[in-house]
Amino acid sequence: MFKPKIHTILFVSFSLLLTACGSSSHSTPQPYQPLNLSKKSEHYKQGAHDGCLTAAETYKKDHELFNNDFEYNEGWWAGRRNCEGREYAEY
């Protein structure tokens, strides 16, 4: 009567142990490359500029545009991700 419970407990414990030892999805940082803004809208460019400033610890976001304009929102996140951990790059 105890054998099925012990086998189940051992199986679950072993499964949890294996998942804890899995590799992480951390990749090596990519070299810095400026965003290609040549075909982007003005709101996207403004968002990229503001996001980059935010990444450089000078918080800047036009909340009205961020909440209501997809291009600005996407640009803001792209600028922030691209400049995070780097010196400010003018966009």
N, C-alpha and C. Protein backbone atom coordinates (compact mmCIF):
# COMPACT_ATOMS: atom_id res chain seq x y z
N MET A 1 0.81 -1.19 0.00
CA MET A 1 0.00 0.00 0.00
C MET A 1 0.86 1.26 0.00
N PHE A 2 2.02 1.23 0.62
CA PHE A 2 2.90 2.39 0.64
C PHE A 2 3.74 2.51 -0.62
N LYS A 3 3.97 1.42 -1.33
CA LYS A 3 4.84 1.46 -2.50
C LYS A 3 4.36 2.45 -3.57
N PRO A 4 3.08 2.46 -3.95
CA PRO A 4 2.66 3.43 -4.96
C PRO A 4 2.87 4.87 -4.50
N LYS A 5 2.65 5.17 -3.22
CA LYS A 5 2.86 6.53 -2.73
C LYS A 5 4.33 6.89 -2.76
N ILE A 6 5.19 5.97 -2.35
CA ILE A 6 6.63 6.23 -2.36
C ILE A 6 7.12 6.44 -3.78
N HIS A 7 6.65 5.60 -4.71
CA HIS A 7 7.06 5.76 -6.11
C HIS A 7 6.60 7.11 -6.67
N THR A 8 5.39 7.50 -6.32
CA THR A 8 4.88 8.79 -6.79
C THR A 8 5.69 9.94 -6.21
N ILE A 9 5.98 9.88 -4.92
CA ILE A 9 6.77 10.92 -4.27
C ILE A 9 8.18 10.98 -4.87
N LEU A 10 8.79 9.83 -5.09
CA LEU A 10 10.13 9.80 -5.68
C LEU A 10 10.11 10.35 -7.11
N PHE A 11 9.10 9.98 -7.87
CA PHE A 11 8.99 10.45 -9.25
C PHE A 11 8.83 11.97 -9.29
N VAL A 12 7.95 12.51 -8.48
CA VAL A 12 7.73 13.96 -8.45
C VAL A 12 8.99 14.68 -7.97
N SER A 13 9.62 14.17 -6.95
CA SER A 13 10.85 14.78 -6.43
C SER A 13 11.95 14.78 -7.49
N PHE A 14 12.12 13.67 -8.17
CA PHE A 14 13.14 13.56 -9.20
C PHE A 14 12.83 14.51 -10.37
N SER A 15 11.55 14.60 -10.74
CA SER A 15 11.16 15.51 -11.82
C SER A 15 11.47 16.96 -11.46
N LEU A 16 11.16 17.34 -10.22
CA LEU A 16 11.45 18.71 -9.78
C LEU A 16 12.95 18.98 -9.75
N LEU A 17 13.70 17.99 -9.35
CA LEU A 17 15.15 18.13 -9.32
C LEU A 17 15.71 18.35 -10.72
N LEU A 18 15.20 17.60 -11.68
CA LEU A 18 15.68 17.74 -13.06
C LEU A 18 15.31 19.09 -13.66
N THR A 19 14.12 19.59 -13.36
CA THR A 19 13.74 20.88 -13.92
C THR A 19 14.55 22.00 -13.30
N ALA A 20 14.98 21.85 -12.07
CA ALA A 20 15.81 22.87 -11.42
C ALA A 20 17.20 22.92 -12.03
N CYS A 21 17.64 21.84 -12.64
CA CYS A 21 18.99 21.78 -13.20
C CYS A 21 19.02 22.15 -14.68
N GLY A 22 17.91 22.53 -15.24
CA GLY A 22 17.87 22.88 -16.66
C GLY A 22 18.67 24.12 -16.94
N SER A 23 19.04 24.29 -18.18
CA SER A 23 19.83 25.47 -18.55
C SER A 23 18.92 26.68 -18.62
N SER A 24 19.49 27.83 -18.33
CA SER A 24 18.72 29.07 -18.40
C SER A 24 18.76 29.60 -19.83
N SER A 25 17.87 30.51 -20.12
CA SER A 25 17.79 31.05 -21.46
C SER A 25 18.62 32.33 -21.60
N HIS A 26 19.55 32.57 -20.66
CA HIS A 26 20.38 33.77 -20.76
C HIS A 26 21.32 33.64 -21.94
N SER A 27 21.32 34.64 -22.74
CA SER A 27 22.23 34.64 -23.88
C SER A 27 23.29 35.71 -23.66
N THR A 28 24.33 35.63 -24.42
CA THR A 28 25.38 36.63 -24.29
C THR A 28 24.85 37.96 -24.82
N PRO A 29 25.20 39.05 -24.18
CA PRO A 29 24.71 40.34 -24.64
C PRO A 29 25.16 40.63 -26.07
N GLN A 30 24.26 41.17 -26.83
CA GLN A 30 24.58 41.53 -28.21
C GLN A 30 25.34 42.86 -28.21
N PRO A 31 26.25 43.03 -29.16
CA PRO A 31 26.95 44.32 -29.24
C PRO A 31 25.96 45.45 -29.52
N TYR A 32 26.29 46.62 -29.03
CA TYR A 32 25.39 47.77 -29.21
C TYR A 32 25.27 48.11 -30.68
N GLN A 33 24.03 48.25 -31.11
CA GLN A 33 23.77 48.73 -32.45
C GLN A 33 22.64 49.75 -32.35
N PRO A 34 22.83 50.93 -32.89
CA PRO A 34 21.77 51.93 -32.84
C PRO A 34 20.52 51.42 -33.53
N LEU A 35 19.38 51.87 -33.05
CA LEU A 35 18.12 51.50 -33.70
C LEU A 35 18.06 52.11 -35.10
N ASN A 36 17.52 51.37 -36.03
CA ASN A 36 17.31 51.90 -37.37
C ASN A 36 15.96 52.59 -37.38
N LEU A 37 15.98 53.89 -37.35
CA LEU A 37 14.76 54.68 -37.29
C LEU A 37 14.39 55.32 -38.61
N SER A 38 15.08 54.95 -39.66
CA SER A 38 14.89 55.64 -40.94
C SER A 38 13.47 55.53 -41.48
N LYS A 39 12.79 54.44 -41.26
CA LYS A 39 11.44 54.28 -41.81
C LYS A 39 10.37 54.30 -40.72
N LYS A 40 10.71 54.86 -39.58
CA LYS A 40 9.77 54.88 -38.45
C LYS A 40 9.05 56.23 -38.39
N SER A 41 7.87 56.21 -37.78
CA SER A 41 7.08 57.43 -37.63
C SER A 41 7.73 58.38 -36.62
N GLU A 42 7.29 59.62 -36.64
CA GLU A 42 7.82 60.60 -35.69
C GLU A 42 7.49 60.21 -34.25
N HIS A 43 6.32 59.64 -34.02
CA HIS A 43 5.97 59.23 -32.67
C HIS A 43 6.85 58.07 -32.21
N TYR A 44 7.19 57.16 -33.10
CA TYR A 44 8.09 56.06 -32.75
C TYR A 44 9.46 56.62 -32.37
N LYS A 45 9.96 57.56 -33.19
CA LYS A 45 11.26 58.17 -32.90
C LYS A 45 11.25 58.91 -31.57
N GLN A 46 10.16 59.64 -31.29
CA GLN A 46 10.06 60.35 -30.02
C GLN A 46 10.03 59.34 -28.86
N GLY A 47 9.30 58.24 -29.04
CA GLY A 47 9.25 57.20 -28.01
C GLY A 47 10.62 56.58 -27.77
N ALA A 48 11.36 56.31 -28.86
CA ALA A 48 12.70 55.73 -28.74
C ALA A 48 13.63 56.68 -27.98
N HIS A 49 13.53 57.95 -28.29
CA HIS A 49 14.33 58.97 -27.60
C HIS A 49 14.00 58.99 -26.10
N ASP A 50 12.70 59.03 -25.78
CA ASP A 50 12.27 59.08 -24.38
C ASP A 50 12.63 57.79 -23.64
N GLY A 51 12.48 56.66 -24.30
CA GLY A 51 12.84 55.38 -23.67
C GLY A 51 14.32 55.28 -23.39
N CYS A 52 15.13 55.80 -24.30
CA CYS A 52 16.57 55.78 -24.11
C CYS A 52 16.96 56.69 -22.94
N LEU A 53 16.34 57.86 -22.86
CA LEU A 53 16.59 58.74 -21.71
C LEU A 53 16.23 58.04 -20.41
N THR A 54 15.11 57.34 -20.41
CA THR A 54 14.68 56.62 -19.21
C THR A 54 15.68 55.55 -18.83
N ALA A 55 16.21 54.84 -19.80
CA ALA A 55 17.22 53.82 -19.52
C ALA A 55 18.48 54.43 -18.94
N ALA A 56 18.74 55.68 -19.30
CA ALA A 56 19.92 56.39 -18.79
C ALA A 56 19.60 57.09 -17.47
N GLU A 57 18.52 56.70 -16.82
CA GLU A 57 18.11 57.18 -15.50
C GLU A 57 17.61 58.62 -15.49
N THR A 58 17.13 59.10 -16.61
CA THR A 58 16.43 60.37 -16.68
C THR A 58 15.03 60.05 -17.18
N TYR A 59 14.12 59.73 -16.25
CA TYR A 59 12.79 59.26 -16.63
C TYR A 59 12.08 60.26 -17.52
N LYS A 60 11.64 59.77 -18.68
CA LYS A 60 10.87 60.61 -19.59
C LYS A 60 9.89 59.73 -20.34
N LYS A 61 8.62 60.10 -20.25
CA LYS A 61 7.57 59.37 -20.97
C LYS A 61 6.37 60.28 -21.12
N ASP A 62 5.87 60.38 -22.33
CA ASP A 62 4.62 61.09 -22.57
C ASP A 62 3.51 60.08 -22.32
N HIS A 63 2.90 60.15 -21.15
CA HIS A 63 1.94 59.13 -20.75
C HIS A 63 0.72 59.09 -21.67
N GLU A 64 0.30 60.22 -22.16
CA GLU A 64 -0.84 60.25 -23.08
C GLU A 64 -0.52 59.46 -24.35
N LEU A 65 0.64 59.73 -24.94
CA LEU A 65 1.04 58.99 -26.14
C LEU A 65 1.33 57.53 -25.81
N PHE A 66 2.00 57.27 -24.69
CA PHE A 66 2.34 55.90 -24.32
C PHE A 66 1.10 55.02 -24.21
N ASN A 67 0.04 55.59 -23.64
CA ASN A 67 -1.19 54.82 -23.43
C ASN A 67 -2.08 54.76 -24.65
N ASN A 68 -1.93 55.69 -25.58
CA ASN A 68 -2.88 55.78 -26.69
C ASN A 68 -2.29 55.67 -28.08
N ASP A 69 -0.97 55.65 -28.19
CA ASP A 69 -0.34 55.61 -29.51
C ASP A 69 0.62 54.41 -29.57
N PHE A 70 0.26 53.44 -30.38
CA PHE A 70 1.04 52.21 -30.49
C PHE A 70 2.47 52.48 -30.92
N GLU A 71 2.66 53.39 -31.86
CA GLU A 71 4.00 53.69 -32.37
C GLU A 71 4.90 54.27 -31.28
N TYR A 72 4.37 55.22 -30.52
CA TYR A 72 5.15 55.81 -29.43
C TYR A 72 5.50 54.73 -28.40
N ASN A 73 4.52 53.92 -28.03
CA ASN A 73 4.71 52.86 -27.04
C ASN A 73 5.81 51.89 -27.50
N GLU A 74 5.72 51.43 -28.73
CA GLU A 74 6.72 50.50 -29.26
C GLU A 74 8.10 51.16 -29.31
N GLY A 75 8.16 52.41 -29.73
CA GLY A 75 9.43 53.13 -29.78
C GLY A 75 10.03 53.32 -28.40
N TRP A 76 9.17 53.63 -27.41
CA TRP A 76 9.66 53.83 -26.05
C TRP A 76 10.31 52.56 -25.52
N TRP A 77 9.64 51.41 -25.69
CA TRP A 77 10.21 50.14 -25.22
C TRP A 77 11.48 49.78 -25.99
N ALA A 78 11.48 50.01 -27.30
CA ALA A 78 12.68 49.70 -28.09
C ALA A 78 13.85 50.57 -27.65
N GLY A 79 13.61 51.86 -27.44
CA GLY A 79 14.67 52.76 -26.98
C GLY A 79 15.18 52.37 -25.61
N ARG A 80 14.27 52.01 -24.74
CA ARG A 80 14.70 51.63 -23.39
C ARG A 80 15.53 50.36 -23.41
N ARG A 81 15.06 49.34 -24.14
CA ARG A 81 15.82 48.08 -24.22
C ARG A 81 17.17 48.30 -24.87
N ASN A 82 17.20 49.12 -25.90
CA ASN A 82 18.43 49.32 -26.64
C ASN A 82 19.47 50.10 -25.85
N CYS A 83 19.04 50.98 -24.98
CA CYS A 83 19.99 51.83 -24.24
C CYS A 83 20.25 51.34 -22.82
N GLU A 84 19.51 50.35 -22.36
CA GLU A 84 19.68 49.88 -20.99
C GLU A 84 21.10 49.41 -20.75
N GLY A 85 21.72 49.91 -19.69
CA GLY A 85 23.08 49.50 -19.33
C GLY A 85 24.15 50.14 -20.19
N ARG A 86 23.80 51.09 -21.00
CA ARG A 86 24.76 51.77 -21.87
C ARG A 86 24.69 53.27 -21.63
N GLU A 87 25.69 53.96 -22.07
CA GLU A 87 25.63 55.41 -22.01
C GLU A 87 24.56 55.88 -22.98
N TYR A 88 23.98 57.01 -22.69
CA TYR A 88 22.90 57.56 -23.51
C TYR A 88 23.38 57.77 -24.94
N ALA A 89 22.56 57.31 -25.87
CA ALA A 89 22.83 57.53 -27.29
C ALA A 89 21.71 58.38 -27.85
N GLU A 90 22.03 59.48 -28.46
CA GLU A 90 21.02 60.38 -29.01
C GLU A 90 20.27 59.73 -30.15
N TYR A 91 18.96 59.83 -30.11
CA TYR A 91 18.11 59.34 -31.21
C TYR A 91 17.44 60.51 -31.86
